Amino acid sequence: MSERLLKSDFYYELPEELIAQDPLLKRDTSRLMFLNKDTGEIEHGIFSDVIDHIDPADVLVLNDTKVIPARLLGVKEDTGAACEILLLRNKGNDIWESLVKPGKKLRCGATVIFGDGRLKAFIEEVLPDGNRLVRFEYEGIWEEVLDSLGEMPLPPYIKHKLLDRDMYQTVYARYEGSAAAPTAGLHFTTKLLRAIEDKGARLAYVTLHVGLGTFRPVKEDNILEHHMHTEWYEVKQETADIINSVHASGKGRVICVGTTSVRTIESCADDSHLVVPGCGETDIFIYPGYRFKVCDSLITNFHLPESTLIMLVAALGGYDNVMKAYKTAVADKYRFFSFGDAMMLE
C-alpha cells in the first residue's frame, strides 16, 4: 500500500449513538478488540482478557499524567457575558496558555470573573494560533481554588455530566498538568495491573501532559501540512532502563498504553532505537510511513475520524488493517472515543 497522506483517507462513518457518553462503573469490563498487525486478523474479548495477551518478558508503558479541573466557567467583568477558559499549559507566574470562548470578546485587556470573585483572569496576549496568555489573580492556594471552581475538561462530544471526577483519571495518575486524560489507561484497575506484574511483565511510567497537540483537528487536506502543538514530557532513567533492557533481551515487547505513551518514547528514542531519559517539549506527528524506533504494540481507544490519533494507529497497525478494524467496530457496535471500548495492536 502506498503512503496515505490525505486527511480524507482516515475518514469513517460513525453513528452518533456509538459515542460513549459515560464511563463504565467497572473499568476493565469494556470490550477489547485484538488486531494482529501482520495478518489483520481480529479477535474480540473484554478488557480484562488483556492479561492473556501480555507475556512475562513484556513491558507496559503508561502515561502517569493527572488531569486538572482545567475548564473554568465565568463572566466577562464589564458585560456579564458567559465565558469559558480552558487551561492548556502553566507558563509560570500565574500565567497560563489557554483556549477561550468566545474568542471575539476575549481580547487583550478583557477581564473574566469566576465564582464569588476570588478568582479573576486577565487576557494578557493573543498568540498567533489564537490561544491566549491569561494571568490569574486569586485568594488562597491555586490548587484549592482551581479544585473548587474548575470542571474536568471533557471533550465536546461528551454531553453527559461527569458524576465522579475520578472516572476521568487513570488509577495510576500522579503528576498534575493535563487538559485531557490519556484515555486508554482508563480501562486498567489496580488489581489488573498487579496481576500483570505478578505474571512477570513490568510497568514503566512516562509523563506527557496532554494538551492541544494531541487533539487539535487536522484542517489541511494534505496531512503533511498539519502543525502539531508542543506538549511537555518526561522520561526518567528507571523507565529508560526498563524499556531498553526489554529490547536488549530480544524476548519481550514494548507495549504502549495509549497514543501519548507512544509519542513520548518515540520522541526520546535515538537512532540506535534506545530510549534516552530526559524532559522537554515534543511536537512529534506519527502517520503511515513512520518507522517506529521503540514501540512494538499498542493498547488504545477508538479515535475520531481524520484525527492525528487514528493516523498514528494506522502507522503502527497498517492502514488497511486499522481501517478494516474500525469498520468492524462500527458494525459490531463497539463504544467509541474517551469513555469507549479499546483495541490492542499485537
Protein backbone atom coordinates (compact mmCIF):
# COMPACT_ATOMS: atom_id res chain seq x y z
CA MET A 1 0.00 0.00 0.00
CA SER A 2 1.26 3.48 -0.81
CA GLU A 3 1.51 6.02 1.97
CA ARG A 4 -1.79 7.63 2.90
CA LEU A 5 -1.28 11.36 3.20
CA LEU A 6 -4.76 12.81 2.67
CA LYS A 7 -6.99 13.65 5.60
CA SER A 8 -9.94 12.02 3.84
CA ASP A 9 -8.08 8.68 3.82
CA PHE A 10 -8.74 8.49 7.56
CA TYR A 11 -12.47 9.18 7.47
CA TYR A 12 -15.05 6.60 8.51
CA GLU A 13 -18.80 6.76 9.13
CA LEU A 14 -19.72 6.70 12.82
CA PRO A 15 -23.32 6.71 14.07
CA GLU A 16 -23.65 9.23 16.89
CA GLU A 17 -25.20 6.65 19.20
CA LEU A 18 -21.87 4.77 19.31
CA ILE A 19 -20.10 7.69 21.01
CA ALA A 20 -19.81 6.64 24.66
CA GLN A 21 -21.28 9.27 26.98
CA ASP A 22 -20.48 7.71 30.35
CA PRO A 23 -17.63 5.64 31.80
CA LEU A 24 -18.33 2.05 32.80
CA LEU A 25 -18.53 1.52 36.56
CA LYS A 26 -16.11 -1.41 36.27
CA ARG A 27 -13.18 -0.12 34.24
CA ASP A 28 -11.91 -3.43 32.89
CA THR A 29 -15.28 -4.70 31.62
CA SER A 30 -15.20 -2.70 28.39
CA ARG A 31 -14.84 -4.58 25.13
CA LEU A 32 -11.36 -5.12 23.71
CA MET A 33 -10.59 -5.87 20.07
CA PHE A 34 -7.33 -7.65 19.31
CA LEU A 35 -5.80 -6.78 15.94
CA ASN A 36 -2.89 -8.76 14.52
CA LYS A 37 -0.62 -6.20 12.82
CA ASP A 38 0.86 -8.80 10.48
CA THR A 39 -2.23 -10.67 9.29
CA GLY A 40 -5.07 -8.22 10.00
CA GLU A 41 -6.87 -10.97 11.92
CA ILE A 42 -9.35 -9.69 14.51
CA GLU A 43 -10.44 -11.26 17.80
CA HIS A 44 -12.96 -9.95 20.33
CA GLY A 45 -12.90 -10.03 24.11
CA ILE A 46 -13.28 -7.90 27.21
CA PHE A 47 -10.55 -5.68 28.57
CA SER A 48 -9.55 -7.94 31.46
CA ASP A 49 -8.56 -10.51 28.80
CA VAL A 50 -5.57 -8.29 28.01
CA ILE A 51 -3.52 -10.17 30.59
CA ASP A 52 -3.66 -13.28 28.38
CA HIS A 53 -2.03 -11.28 25.57
CA ILE A 54 0.84 -9.96 27.70
CA ASP A 55 3.92 -12.13 28.12
CA PRO A 56 6.22 -12.21 31.16
CA ALA A 57 9.04 -10.62 29.16
CA ASP A 58 6.92 -7.64 28.05
CA VAL A 59 6.84 -4.12 29.46
CA LEU A 60 3.77 -1.89 29.61
CA VAL A 61 4.49 1.81 29.13
CA LEU A 62 1.90 4.01 30.89
CA ASN A 63 1.42 7.79 30.96
CA ASP A 64 1.07 8.84 34.61
CA THR A 65 -0.11 12.39 33.94
CA LYS A 66 -3.03 13.65 36.01
CA VAL A 67 -5.89 15.73 34.64
CA ILE A 68 -6.52 19.05 36.34
CA PRO A 69 -10.02 20.63 36.52
CA ALA A 70 -8.93 22.90 33.70
CA ARG A 71 -12.32 24.14 32.46
CA LEU A 72 -13.32 27.43 34.08
CA LEU A 73 -16.75 28.98 33.50
CA GLY A 74 -17.13 32.65 34.32
CA VAL A 75 -18.48 36.00 33.17
CA LYS A 76 -16.87 38.96 31.42
CA GLU A 77 -16.45 41.69 34.04
CA ASP A 78 -17.84 44.60 32.03
CA THR A 79 -20.79 42.92 30.31
CA GLY A 80 -21.65 39.82 32.36
CA ALA A 81 -21.45 37.69 29.21
CA ALA A 82 -20.74 33.98 29.80
CA CYS A 83 -17.13 32.98 29.11
CA GLU A 84 -15.07 29.81 29.20
CA ILE A 85 -11.33 29.40 29.71
CA LEU A 86 -9.58 26.05 29.20
CA LEU A 87 -6.13 25.86 30.78
CA LEU A 88 -3.56 24.27 28.49
CA ARG A 89 -0.13 24.99 29.94
CA ASN A 90 1.32 26.66 33.01
CA LYS A 91 3.79 29.31 31.85
CA GLY A 92 4.75 30.35 35.41
CA ASN A 93 3.92 33.43 37.47
CA ASP A 94 0.19 32.58 37.42
CA ILE A 95 0.09 32.83 33.63
CA TRP A 96 -1.47 30.03 31.60
CA GLU A 97 -1.69 29.43 27.89
CA SER A 98 -5.40 28.86 27.36
CA LEU A 99 -8.22 28.38 24.94
CA VAL A 100 -11.06 30.87 25.39
CA LYS A 101 -14.69 31.19 24.34
CA PRO A 102 -15.99 33.40 22.85
CA GLY A 103 -12.72 34.39 21.24
CA LYS A 104 -14.07 37.58 19.65
CA LYS A 105 -15.00 39.04 23.03
CA LEU A 106 -11.94 37.97 24.99
CA ARG A 107 -9.22 40.16 23.51
CA CYS A 108 -6.26 41.80 25.24
CA GLY A 109 -7.34 43.70 28.34
CA ALA A 110 -10.53 41.70 28.95
CA THR A 111 -11.23 40.51 32.49
CA VAL A 112 -13.19 37.40 33.47
CA ILE A 113 -14.60 36.75 36.95
CA PHE A 114 -15.25 33.27 38.36
CA GLY A 115 -17.40 32.15 41.25
CA ASP A 116 -17.66 34.70 44.04
CA GLY A 117 -14.89 36.84 42.58
CA ARG A 118 -11.96 35.25 44.39
CA LEU A 119 -10.59 34.23 41.01
CA LYS A 120 -10.05 36.69 38.15
CA ALA A 121 -8.49 36.19 34.73
CA PHE A 122 -6.84 38.92 32.67
CA ILE A 123 -6.23 38.38 28.96
CA GLU A 124 -2.60 39.42 28.51
CA GLU A 125 -1.77 38.38 24.95
CA VAL A 126 -3.34 36.81 21.85
CA LEU A 127 -0.96 34.22 20.38
CA PRO A 128 -0.57 33.65 16.62
CA ASP A 129 -2.62 30.42 16.77
CA GLY A 130 -5.48 32.14 18.60
CA ASN A 131 -4.66 30.83 22.06
CA ARG A 132 -4.40 33.37 24.89
CA LEU A 133 -1.91 34.06 27.62
CA VAL A 134 -4.09 34.55 30.69
CA ARG A 135 -2.91 35.91 34.04
CA PHE A 136 -4.85 34.86 37.13
CA GLU A 137 -5.35 36.64 40.44
CA TYR A 138 -6.86 34.73 43.35
CA GLU A 139 -7.14 34.44 47.10
CA GLY A 140 -5.68 31.37 48.78
CA ILE A 141 -3.87 28.38 47.28
CA TRP A 142 -4.11 27.98 43.48
CA GLU A 143 -4.73 24.22 43.53
CA GLU A 144 -7.56 24.60 46.03
CA VAL A 145 -9.15 27.47 44.11
CA LEU A 146 -8.96 25.50 40.87
CA ASP A 147 -10.35 22.38 42.51
CA SER A 148 -13.37 24.28 43.81
CA LEU A 149 -14.15 26.33 40.69
CA GLY A 150 -12.83 24.23 37.80
CA GLU A 151 -14.52 21.39 35.96
CA MET A 152 -12.95 18.36 34.32
CA PRO A 153 -12.32 19.27 30.66
CA LEU A 154 -14.38 16.59 28.94
CA PRO A 155 -14.28 16.53 25.13
CA PRO A 156 -17.16 18.36 23.40
CA TYR A 157 -18.67 15.12 22.06
CA ILE A 158 -19.49 14.05 25.64
CA LYS A 159 -22.81 15.68 26.51
CA HIS A 160 -23.48 13.98 29.85
CA LYS A 161 -22.26 15.45 33.13
CA LEU A 162 -19.44 13.52 34.76
CA LEU A 163 -20.73 12.37 38.16
CA ASP A 164 -17.38 11.18 39.52
CA ARG A 165 -14.20 13.10 38.64
CA ASP A 166 -12.04 10.08 39.42
CA MET A 167 -13.55 8.20 36.48
CA TYR A 168 -11.71 10.61 34.16
CA GLN A 169 -8.39 9.77 35.83
CA THR A 170 -6.29 6.65 35.42
CA VAL A 171 -5.74 4.71 38.63
CA TYR A 172 -2.01 5.45 38.29
CA ALA A 173 -2.34 9.21 37.62
CA ARG A 174 0.36 11.02 39.56
CA TYR A 175 1.67 14.29 38.09
CA GLU A 176 -0.85 17.09 37.55
CA GLY A 177 -0.82 19.00 34.29
CA SER A 178 -3.11 17.50 31.65
CA ALA A 179 -6.08 19.12 29.95
CA ALA A 180 -7.35 15.66 28.95
CA ALA A 181 -6.95 12.10 30.18
CA PRO A 182 -4.77 9.51 28.43
CA THR A 183 -7.94 7.53 27.89
CA ALA A 184 -6.52 4.10 27.00
CA GLY A 185 -5.34 3.91 30.60
CA LEU A 186 -8.85 4.40 31.98
CA HIS A 187 -9.55 0.68 31.40
CA PHE A 188 -6.94 -0.53 33.88
CA THR A 189 -7.71 -1.30 37.51
CA THR A 190 -5.15 -1.56 40.29
CA LYS A 191 -5.98 -5.25 40.57
CA LEU A 192 -5.39 -5.87 36.84
CA LEU A 193 -2.06 -4.02 36.89
CA ARG A 194 -0.97 -6.06 39.90
CA ALA A 195 -1.92 -9.30 38.12
CA ILE A 196 0.12 -8.25 35.08
CA GLU A 197 3.15 -7.67 37.30
CA ASP A 198 2.56 -10.97 39.10
CA LYS A 199 2.74 -12.63 35.69
CA GLY A 200 6.26 -11.23 35.31
CA ALA A 201 5.68 -8.29 32.99
CA ARG A 202 7.00 -4.91 34.08
CA LEU A 203 5.38 -1.49 34.22
CA ALA A 204 7.26 1.62 33.11
CA TYR A 205 5.88 5.12 33.56
CA VAL A 206 6.35 8.17 31.37
CA THR A 207 4.72 11.58 31.74
CA LEU A 208 3.20 13.58 28.92
CA HIS A 209 0.81 16.38 29.83
CA VAL A 210 -1.93 16.07 27.27
CA GLY A 211 -2.83 19.35 25.61
CA LEU A 212 -3.84 20.79 22.30
CA GLY A 213 -1.15 18.91 20.38
CA THR A 214 -2.94 15.61 20.81
CA PHE A 215 -6.46 16.76 19.96
CA ARG A 216 -6.18 19.69 17.57
CA PRO A 217 -8.22 18.83 14.44
CA VAL A 218 -6.43 18.31 11.14
CA LYS A 219 -7.69 21.03 8.82
CA GLU A 220 -5.32 20.67 5.87
CA ASP A 221 -6.18 18.14 3.14
CA ASN A 222 -2.52 17.13 2.92
CA ILE A 223 -1.68 15.89 6.41
CA LEU A 224 1.98 16.84 5.95
CA GLU A 225 0.87 20.46 6.24
CA HIS A 226 -0.66 19.88 9.69
CA HIS A 227 1.12 21.65 12.56
CA MET A 228 1.29 19.84 15.90
CA HIS A 229 1.39 21.94 19.07
CA THR A 230 4.06 21.02 21.58
CA GLU A 231 3.39 19.08 24.77
CA TRP A 232 5.66 18.63 27.79
CA TYR A 233 7.04 15.18 28.60
CA GLU A 234 9.46 13.49 30.97
CA VAL A 235 11.11 10.07 30.85
CA LYS A 236 13.06 9.05 33.94
CA GLN A 237 16.24 6.96 33.92
CA GLU A 238 14.46 3.98 35.51
CA THR A 239 11.87 3.92 32.72
CA ALA A 240 14.50 4.19 30.00
CA ASP A 241 16.48 1.33 31.58
CA ILE A 242 13.44 -0.96 31.73
CA ILE A 243 12.40 -0.32 28.13
CA ASN A 244 15.94 -0.64 26.78
CA SER A 245 16.52 -3.89 28.67
CA VAL A 246 13.47 -5.46 27.05
CA HIS A 247 14.74 -4.82 23.54
CA ALA A 248 18.28 -5.82 24.53
CA SER A 249 17.00 -9.20 25.71
CA GLY A 250 15.39 -9.87 22.33
CA LYS A 251 12.47 -11.57 24.06
CA GLY A 252 9.79 -9.10 25.13
CA ARG A 253 7.73 -6.35 23.56
CA VAL A 254 7.33 -2.69 24.43
CA ILE A 255 3.55 -2.33 24.75
CA CYS A 256 2.42 1.28 24.93
CA VAL A 257 -0.82 2.13 26.71
CA GLY A 258 -2.26 5.00 24.70
CA THR A 259 -1.00 7.18 21.87
CA THR A 260 0.54 9.65 24.33
CA SER A 261 2.89 6.94 25.62
CA VAL A 262 3.87 6.14 22.03
CA ARG A 263 4.59 9.77 21.24
CA THR A 264 6.64 10.15 24.40
CA ILE A 265 9.01 7.22 23.94
CA GLU A 266 9.33 7.77 20.20
CA SER A 267 10.23 11.42 20.91
CA CYS A 268 13.17 10.48 23.10
CA ALA A 269 14.47 7.47 21.15
CA ASP A 270 17.84 7.84 19.44
CA ASP A 271 18.99 6.44 16.08
CA SER A 272 20.05 3.18 17.72
CA HIS A 273 16.47 2.71 18.98
CA LEU A 274 17.37 3.35 22.62
CA VAL A 275 15.21 5.48 24.89
CA VAL A 276 17.19 8.42 26.28
CA PRO A 277 15.92 9.82 29.61
CA GLY A 278 15.09 13.49 29.84
CA CYS A 279 12.33 16.05 29.63
CA GLY A 280 11.27 18.65 27.12
CA GLU A 281 8.70 19.56 24.51
CA THR A 282 7.52 17.30 21.72
CA ASP A 283 5.51 18.02 18.59
CA ILE A 284 6.06 14.59 17.02
CA PHE A 285 3.45 13.69 14.40
CA ILE A 286 3.22 10.00 13.54
CA TYR A 287 1.39 8.87 10.41
CA PRO A 288 1.69 5.97 7.91
CA GLY A 289 5.23 5.65 6.63
CA TYR A 290 6.74 6.39 10.06
CA ARG A 291 9.38 3.87 11.19
CA PHE A 292 8.90 3.07 14.87
CA LYS A 293 12.05 3.00 16.96
CA VAL A 294 10.74 1.59 20.24
CA CYS A 295 7.00 0.83 20.29
CA ASP A 296 6.07 -2.75 19.32
CA SER A 297 2.45 -2.98 20.41
CA LEU A 298 -0.32 -0.57 21.39
CA ILE A 299 -3.43 -0.56 23.56
CA THR A 300 -5.67 2.33 22.54
CA ASN A 301 -9.24 3.54 22.30
CA PHE A 302 -11.15 4.13 19.06
CA HIS A 303 -10.44 7.65 17.83
CA LEU A 304 -12.19 10.39 15.89
CA PRO A 305 -12.25 10.22 12.09
CA GLU A 306 -9.46 12.20 10.40
CA SER A 307 -7.63 12.77 13.71
CA THR A 308 -3.87 12.58 14.28
CA LEU A 309 -4.62 9.73 16.69
CA ILE A 310 -6.14 7.40 14.11
CA MET A 311 -3.21 8.29 11.82
CA LEU A 312 -0.76 7.12 14.50
CA VAL A 313 -2.68 3.88 14.99
CA ALA A 314 -2.69 3.28 11.22
CA ALA A 315 1.07 3.86 11.13
CA LEU A 316 1.65 1.04 13.62
CA GLY A 317 -1.08 -1.38 12.67
CA GLY A 318 -1.07 -0.87 8.92
CA TYR A 319 -3.54 1.40 7.17
CA ASP A 320 -5.70 -1.33 5.61
CA ASN A 321 -5.77 -3.38 8.83
CA VAL A 322 -6.77 -0.44 11.01
CA MET A 323 -9.47 0.95 8.72
CA LYS A 324 -10.94 -2.55 8.42
CA ALA A 325 -10.86 -2.86 12.22
CA TYR A 326 -12.71 0.44 12.59
CA LYS A 327 -15.35 -0.68 10.09
CA THR A 328 -15.73 -3.91 12.08
CA ALA A 329 -16.02 -1.97 15.35
CA VAL A 330 -18.83 0.16 13.92
CA ALA A 331 -20.67 -2.89 12.57
CA ASP A 332 -20.31 -4.70 15.91
CA LYS A 333 -21.43 -1.60 17.82
CA TYR A 334 -18.32 -1.00 19.85
CA ARG A 335 -18.36 2.14 22.01
CA PHE A 336 -16.14 4.93 20.69
CA PHE A 337 -13.85 7.69 21.97
CA SER A 338 -12.82 8.68 25.52
CA PHE A 339 -15.23 6.53 27.55
CA GLY A 340 -15.49 3.85 24.89
CA ASP A 341 -14.01 0.43 24.21
CA ALA A 342 -10.41 -0.38 23.28
CA MET A 343 -8.25 -2.24 20.81
CA MET A 344 -4.85 -3.89 21.10
CA LEU A 345 -2.48 -3.93 18.15
CA GLU A 346 -0.33 -7.02 18.59
